[in-house]
Amino acid sequence: MIKTIDLNFQGIKSTVACFLLKINKELALIECGPESCLKNLKSEIKKNGENAENIKHVFLTHIHLDHAGAAWWFAKNGANIYVHPFGKSHLINPEKLIASAKMIYGKSMNELWGSIEGIDENKVIPVNDKEKIKINHIEIKALHTPGHAKHHISWVIGDSVFTGDVAGAKINNGPLVPACPPPDINVEEWEKSLEIIKEENPKFLYFTHFGKFSYKENEIINLQNTLKEWLIWVKKNRDQNETILIEKFKVYIKKSLKSKLVDDQTIEQYCIANPPYMSILGLKRVLIKKNYDKA
């Protein structure tokens, strides 16, 4: 059984999800969301006839706070936390993760993410590429899929892939839209990771932002093209005042979504799940690191 849980992030539906797995009598989560949504998550798990305290396994696609911020709470209650090897140390000691997030979110940190605590190293399980974790009769395979973050894993269960952020956000049947926050965006690695998803050829994709959809290769191809288009747009406009740049980028994204017949409410959900200012910061950093201006 796989159940999509809506965390109702910031009071907005269908923006951040996690996924409850019941494997015989053993409970697992893929993603756990931020601690700020923990009350909602516990309530939704209870509505499904289970208790959050009984979760024994939490599989993280990566350590960004909207995906992993509450992992410490589940570890305190006995869960093993499965993560990319690059993410392990940051879960055990989240000081650098918190400091980095504070630079971006400032006074909004607590409202957005809630409490963040370190995890006992014995509860953090690093998982290698293509490694399989077996829970009763079910195998959960890790695919290392960097690009959005160097510590990104997509999890494969049967004919389904849980894509975290590497396959973008898809809300209410809208298009796939990339999330490009600092500091680890790498467009070349992202391109390779999307090829890995294509090679897997799943029947379904589960998006943290948001929900279960049938896999369509043409959507992945469109996402690859969107990444390139966004980078070109930021390159052309990067010298403008940052506040103006962010507003122009938001207009650019909204216009693009409207051209694909996405309604206003869904556009706002995209912007909550994937804030445009974050992508501006991440893509500007890509240009600085790679010196694309000389390419």
Protein backbone atom coordinates (compact mmCIF):
# COMPACT_ATOMS: atom_id res chain seq x y z
CA MET A 1 0.00 0.00 0.00
CA ILE A 2 1.25 3.47 -0.91
CA LYS A 3 -0.69 6.45 0.40
CA THR A 4 0.03 10.05 -0.63
CA ILE A 5 -0.03 12.37 2.39
CA ASP A 6 -0.74 16.07 1.80
CA LEU A 7 1.26 18.05 4.39
CA ASN A 8 -0.82 21.19 3.73
CA PHE A 9 2.42 23.21 3.76
CA GLN A 10 1.84 26.83 4.84
CA GLY A 11 -1.90 26.08 4.72
CA ILE A 12 -1.77 25.43 0.95
CA LYS A 13 -2.93 22.08 -0.38
CA SER A 14 -1.10 19.96 -2.95
CA THR A 15 2.31 21.60 -2.58
CA VAL A 16 4.35 19.21 -0.39
CA ALA A 17 3.73 15.48 -0.04
CA CYS A 18 5.21 12.46 1.64
CA PHE A 19 4.27 8.85 1.03
CA LEU A 20 3.16 6.29 3.60
CA LEU A 21 4.10 2.68 2.89
CA LYS A 22 2.51 -0.24 4.71
CA ILE A 23 4.49 -3.39 4.01
CA ASN A 24 2.69 -6.19 5.81
CA LYS A 25 2.58 -4.67 9.29
CA GLU A 26 5.74 -2.58 8.92
CA LEU A 27 5.44 1.17 8.26
CA ALA A 28 7.74 3.40 6.24
CA LEU A 29 7.74 6.90 4.81
CA ILE A 30 9.29 8.26 1.66
CA GLU A 31 9.99 11.89 2.58
CA CYS A 32 8.81 13.31 5.88
CA GLY A 33 8.50 17.03 5.18
CA PRO A 34 9.51 19.84 7.56
CA GLU A 35 8.87 19.76 11.30
CA SER A 36 6.47 22.67 10.80
CA CYS A 37 4.11 20.16 9.11
CA LEU A 38 4.64 17.36 11.62
CA LYS A 39 1.27 17.90 13.31
CA ASN A 40 -0.48 17.62 9.94
CA LEU A 41 1.55 14.52 9.06
CA LYS A 42 0.71 12.77 12.34
CA SER A 43 -2.96 13.58 11.85
CA GLU A 44 -3.02 12.24 8.29
CA ILE A 45 -1.20 9.06 9.31
CA LYS A 46 -3.78 8.58 12.07
CA LYS A 47 -6.61 9.01 9.54
CA ASN A 48 -5.05 6.07 7.72
CA GLY A 49 -5.37 3.96 10.87
CA GLU A 50 -1.71 4.16 11.88
CA ASN A 51 0.50 6.02 14.37
CA ALA A 52 3.48 8.13 13.33
CA GLU A 53 5.44 6.75 16.30
CA ASN A 54 5.35 3.32 14.64
CA ILE A 55 7.19 4.42 11.48
CA LYS A 56 10.33 2.27 11.32
CA HIS A 57 11.90 3.53 8.09
CA VAL A 58 12.17 6.99 6.49
CA PHE A 59 13.61 7.21 2.97
CA LEU A 60 14.77 10.74 2.08
CA THR A 61 15.29 11.86 -1.50
CA HIS A 62 17.59 14.60 -0.19
CA ILE A 63 18.18 16.70 2.91
CA HIS A 64 16.48 19.97 1.92
CA LEU A 65 14.18 20.98 4.74
CA ASP A 66 10.90 20.65 2.83
CA HIS A 67 11.77 16.98 2.32
CA ALA A 68 13.74 16.01 5.41
CA GLY A 69 13.30 18.61 8.17
CA ALA A 70 11.29 16.32 10.48
CA ALA A 71 13.54 13.27 10.07
CA TRP A 72 15.06 13.80 13.54
CA TRP A 73 11.64 13.29 15.19
CA PHE A 74 11.13 9.93 13.50
CA ALA A 75 14.68 8.86 14.41
CA LYS A 76 13.99 9.72 18.06
CA ASN A 77 11.01 7.38 17.84
CA GLY A 78 13.16 4.55 16.51
CA ALA A 79 13.07 4.96 12.74
CA ASN A 80 16.07 4.36 10.51
CA ILE A 81 16.72 7.32 8.19
CA TYR A 82 18.00 6.35 4.71
CA VAL A 83 19.93 9.04 2.86
CA HIS A 84 22.60 9.70 0.23
CA PRO A 85 26.12 9.33 1.72
CA PHE A 86 26.75 13.06 1.09
CA GLY A 87 23.79 13.92 3.30
CA LYS A 88 24.64 11.75 6.31
CA SER A 89 26.89 14.18 8.20
CA HIS A 90 24.39 17.03 7.79
CA LEU A 91 21.63 14.99 9.42
CA ILE A 92 23.87 14.02 12.33
CA ASN A 93 25.06 17.61 12.81
CA PRO A 94 22.75 20.06 11.00
CA GLU A 95 24.66 23.25 11.94
CA LYS A 96 25.87 23.96 8.39
CA LEU A 97 22.47 23.07 6.94
CA ILE A 98 20.74 25.47 9.34
CA ALA A 99 23.28 28.25 8.72
CA SER A 100 22.88 27.89 4.96
CA ALA A 101 19.08 27.96 5.23
CA LYS A 102 19.15 31.03 7.49
CA MET A 103 21.08 32.93 4.81
CA ILE A 104 18.15 32.34 2.45
CA TYR A 105 15.09 32.38 4.72
CA GLY A 106 16.15 34.70 7.54
CA LYS A 107 13.36 35.39 10.01
CA SER A 108 10.99 33.03 8.19
CA MET A 109 13.03 29.95 9.19
CA ASN A 110 10.86 28.81 12.08
CA GLU A 111 7.56 29.54 10.36
CA LEU A 112 8.59 27.63 7.27
CA TRP A 113 10.53 24.71 8.73
CA GLY A 114 9.98 24.50 12.51
CA SER A 115 12.56 22.80 14.73
CA ILE A 116 15.66 21.09 13.36
CA GLU A 117 17.70 18.70 15.49
CA GLY A 118 20.60 16.35 14.97
CA ILE A 119 20.11 12.60 14.58
CA ASP A 120 21.97 9.78 16.34
CA GLU A 121 24.52 8.53 13.82
CA ASN A 122 23.38 4.94 14.41
CA LYS A 123 19.98 5.84 12.96
CA VAL A 124 21.33 7.43 9.75
CA ILE A 125 21.87 4.84 7.01
CA PRO A 126 23.85 5.98 3.94
CA VAL A 127 22.70 4.23 0.76
CA ASN A 128 24.87 3.66 -2.31
CA ASP A 129 23.77 3.96 -5.93
CA LYS A 130 21.58 0.99 -7.00
CA GLU A 131 21.70 -0.44 -3.47
CA LYS A 132 18.51 -2.25 -2.46
CA ILE A 133 16.87 -2.10 0.96
CA LYS A 134 14.54 -5.00 1.69
CA ILE A 135 11.55 -4.58 4.00
CA ASN A 136 9.74 -7.88 4.33
CA HIS A 137 9.02 -8.89 0.72
CA ILE A 138 9.49 -5.43 -0.84
CA GLU A 139 12.75 -4.12 -2.33
CA ILE A 140 13.41 -0.38 -2.39
CA LYS A 141 16.21 0.56 -4.80
CA ALA A 142 18.26 3.75 -4.62
CA LEU A 143 19.16 5.67 -7.76
CA HIS A 144 21.69 8.45 -7.19
CA THR A 145 20.26 11.33 -9.22
CA PRO A 146 22.22 14.55 -8.58
CA GLY A 147 21.63 17.87 -10.30
CA HIS A 148 19.02 19.46 -8.06
CA ALA A 149 21.30 18.54 -5.16
CA LYS A 150 24.45 16.44 -5.02
CA HIS A 151 22.86 14.38 -2.23
CA HIS A 152 19.75 13.40 -4.22
CA ILE A 153 18.31 9.89 -4.44
CA SER A 154 15.30 8.69 -6.40
CA TRP A 155 13.70 5.62 -4.81
CA VAL A 156 12.35 2.78 -6.94
CA ILE A 157 9.60 0.44 -5.76
CA GLY A 158 8.35 -1.97 -8.41
CA ASP A 159 7.12 0.04 -11.40
CA SER A 160 7.21 3.38 -9.56
CA VAL A 161 9.91 5.99 -8.96
CA PHE A 162 9.75 8.53 -6.13
CA THR A 163 11.54 11.45 -7.74
CA GLY A 164 11.97 14.03 -4.97
CA ASP A 165 12.87 17.16 -6.94
CA VAL A 166 14.95 15.74 -9.79
CA ALA A 167 11.91 15.30 -12.07
CA GLY A 168 10.59 18.70 -11.05
CA ALA A 169 7.19 19.67 -9.65
CA LYS A 170 3.90 18.63 -11.23
CA ILE A 171 0.70 20.02 -9.74
CA ASN A 172 -2.88 19.38 -10.83
CA ASN A 173 -1.85 17.99 -14.25
CA GLY A 174 0.32 21.01 -15.02
CA PRO A 175 3.74 20.67 -16.72
CA LEU A 176 6.94 19.54 -15.04
CA VAL A 177 8.71 22.60 -13.62
CA PRO A 178 12.27 22.46 -12.22
CA ALA A 179 13.26 23.66 -8.76
CA CYS A 180 16.70 25.29 -8.81
CA PRO A 181 17.66 26.42 -5.29
CA PRO A 182 21.25 27.10 -4.23
CA PRO A 183 23.85 25.83 -3.62
CA ASP A 184 24.17 22.53 -5.54
CA ILE A 185 22.42 23.03 -8.89
CA ASN A 186 24.37 21.33 -11.65
CA VAL A 187 22.56 21.37 -14.99
CA GLU A 188 24.86 18.79 -16.63
CA GLU A 189 24.45 16.30 -13.77
CA TRP A 190 20.69 16.97 -13.74
CA GLU A 191 20.52 16.11 -17.44
CA LYS A 192 22.27 12.78 -16.75
CA SER A 193 19.93 12.05 -13.85
CA LEU A 194 16.87 12.58 -16.03
CA GLU A 195 18.36 10.09 -18.48
CA ILE A 196 18.56 7.63 -15.57
CA ILE A 197 14.83 8.14 -14.95
CA LYS A 198 14.15 7.53 -18.65
CA GLU A 199 16.22 4.33 -18.60
CA GLU A 200 14.25 3.08 -15.62
CA ASN A 201 11.08 3.51 -17.73
CA PRO A 202 8.66 3.37 -14.79
CA LYS A 203 4.91 3.18 -15.02
CA PHE A 204 4.37 5.86 -12.37
CA LEU A 205 6.25 8.82 -10.88
CA TYR A 206 5.58 10.05 -7.36
CA PHE A 207 6.39 13.75 -6.98
CA THR A 208 7.02 15.34 -3.59
CA HIS A 209 5.51 18.39 -5.30
CA PHE A 210 2.90 16.84 -5.81
CA GLY A 211 1.45 13.34 -6.02
CA LYS A 212 1.27 10.30 -8.31
CA PHE A 213 1.20 10.56 -12.11
CA SER A 214 1.72 8.21 -15.04
CA TYR A 215 5.22 8.41 -16.49
CA LYS A 216 5.48 10.18 -19.84
CA GLU A 217 8.93 10.45 -21.42
CA ASN A 218 7.98 13.56 -23.38
CA GLU A 219 7.39 15.38 -20.09
CA ILE A 220 10.93 14.55 -18.95
CA ILE A 221 12.27 15.82 -22.28
CA ASN A 222 10.26 19.04 -21.82
CA LEU A 223 11.73 19.42 -18.33
CA GLN A 224 15.26 19.07 -19.74
CA ASN A 225 14.45 21.83 -22.23
CA THR A 226 12.92 24.05 -19.53
CA LEU A 227 16.10 23.82 -17.47
CA LYS A 228 18.13 25.04 -20.43
CA GLU A 229 15.62 27.82 -21.21
CA TRP A 230 15.66 29.06 -17.61
CA LEU A 231 19.44 29.17 -17.54
CA ILE A 232 19.49 31.18 -20.78
CA TRP A 233 16.86 33.58 -19.40
CA VAL A 234 18.83 34.18 -16.19
CA LYS A 235 22.04 34.66 -18.17
CA LYS A 236 20.38 37.36 -20.29
CA ASN A 237 18.87 39.17 -17.30
CA ARG A 238 21.33 38.51 -14.47
CA ASP A 239 22.81 42.04 -14.36
CA GLN A 240 19.51 43.61 -13.29
CA ASN A 241 18.68 44.54 -9.71
CA GLU A 242 17.93 41.28 -7.88
CA THR A 243 14.50 42.37 -6.63
CA ILE A 244 13.48 43.39 -10.15
CA LEU A 245 15.01 40.20 -11.57
CA ILE A 246 12.99 38.01 -9.21
CA GLU A 247 9.74 39.80 -10.06
CA LYS A 248 10.45 39.55 -13.80
CA PHE A 249 11.24 35.84 -13.45
CA LYS A 250 7.99 35.27 -11.54
CA VAL A 251 6.09 36.99 -14.37
CA TYR A 252 8.02 34.91 -16.92
CA ILE A 253 7.10 31.66 -15.15
CA LYS A 254 3.45 32.61 -14.71
CA LYS A 255 3.18 33.59 -18.37
CA SER A 256 4.75 30.27 -19.38
CA LEU A 257 2.32 28.29 -17.20
CA LYS A 258 -0.67 30.27 -18.47
CA SER A 259 0.37 29.48 -22.04
CA LYS A 260 0.00 25.80 -21.05
CA LEU A 261 -3.56 26.52 -19.80
CA VAL A 262 -2.64 26.27 -16.11
CA ASP A 263 -5.21 28.04 -13.91
CA ASP A 264 -4.31 30.82 -11.45
CA GLN A 265 -4.75 28.70 -8.31
CA THR A 266 -2.43 26.00 -9.63
CA ILE A 267 0.13 28.64 -10.62
CA GLU A 268 0.18 29.89 -7.02
CA GLN A 269 0.61 26.31 -5.79
CA TYR A 270 3.61 25.97 -8.10
CA CYS A 271 5.07 29.18 -6.67
CA ILE A 272 4.64 27.94 -3.05
CA ALA A 273 6.14 24.54 -3.82
CA ASN A 274 8.89 26.03 -5.98
CA PRO A 275 9.49 29.73 -5.14
CA PRO A 276 10.82 31.62 -8.20
CA TYR A 277 13.30 33.63 -6.11
CA MET A 278 14.99 30.36 -5.07
CA SER A 279 15.54 29.37 -8.69
CA ILE A 280 16.97 32.81 -9.46
CA LEU A 281 19.49 32.43 -6.62
CA GLY A 282 20.39 28.90 -7.66
CA LEU A 283 20.78 29.61 -11.37
CA LYS A 284 22.82 32.77 -10.78
CA ARG A 285 25.15 30.63 -8.68
CA VAL A 286 25.41 28.14 -11.57
CA LEU A 287 26.49 30.94 -13.90
CA ILE A 288 29.11 32.18 -11.45
CA LYS A 289 30.52 28.71 -10.74
CA LYS A 290 30.64 27.58 -14.37
CA ASN A 291 31.50 30.98 -15.86
CA TYR A 292 28.88 30.46 -18.57
CA ASP A 293 29.45 34.00 -19.86
CA LYS A 294 32.67 32.80 -21.50
CA ALA A 295 31.08 29.71 -23.01
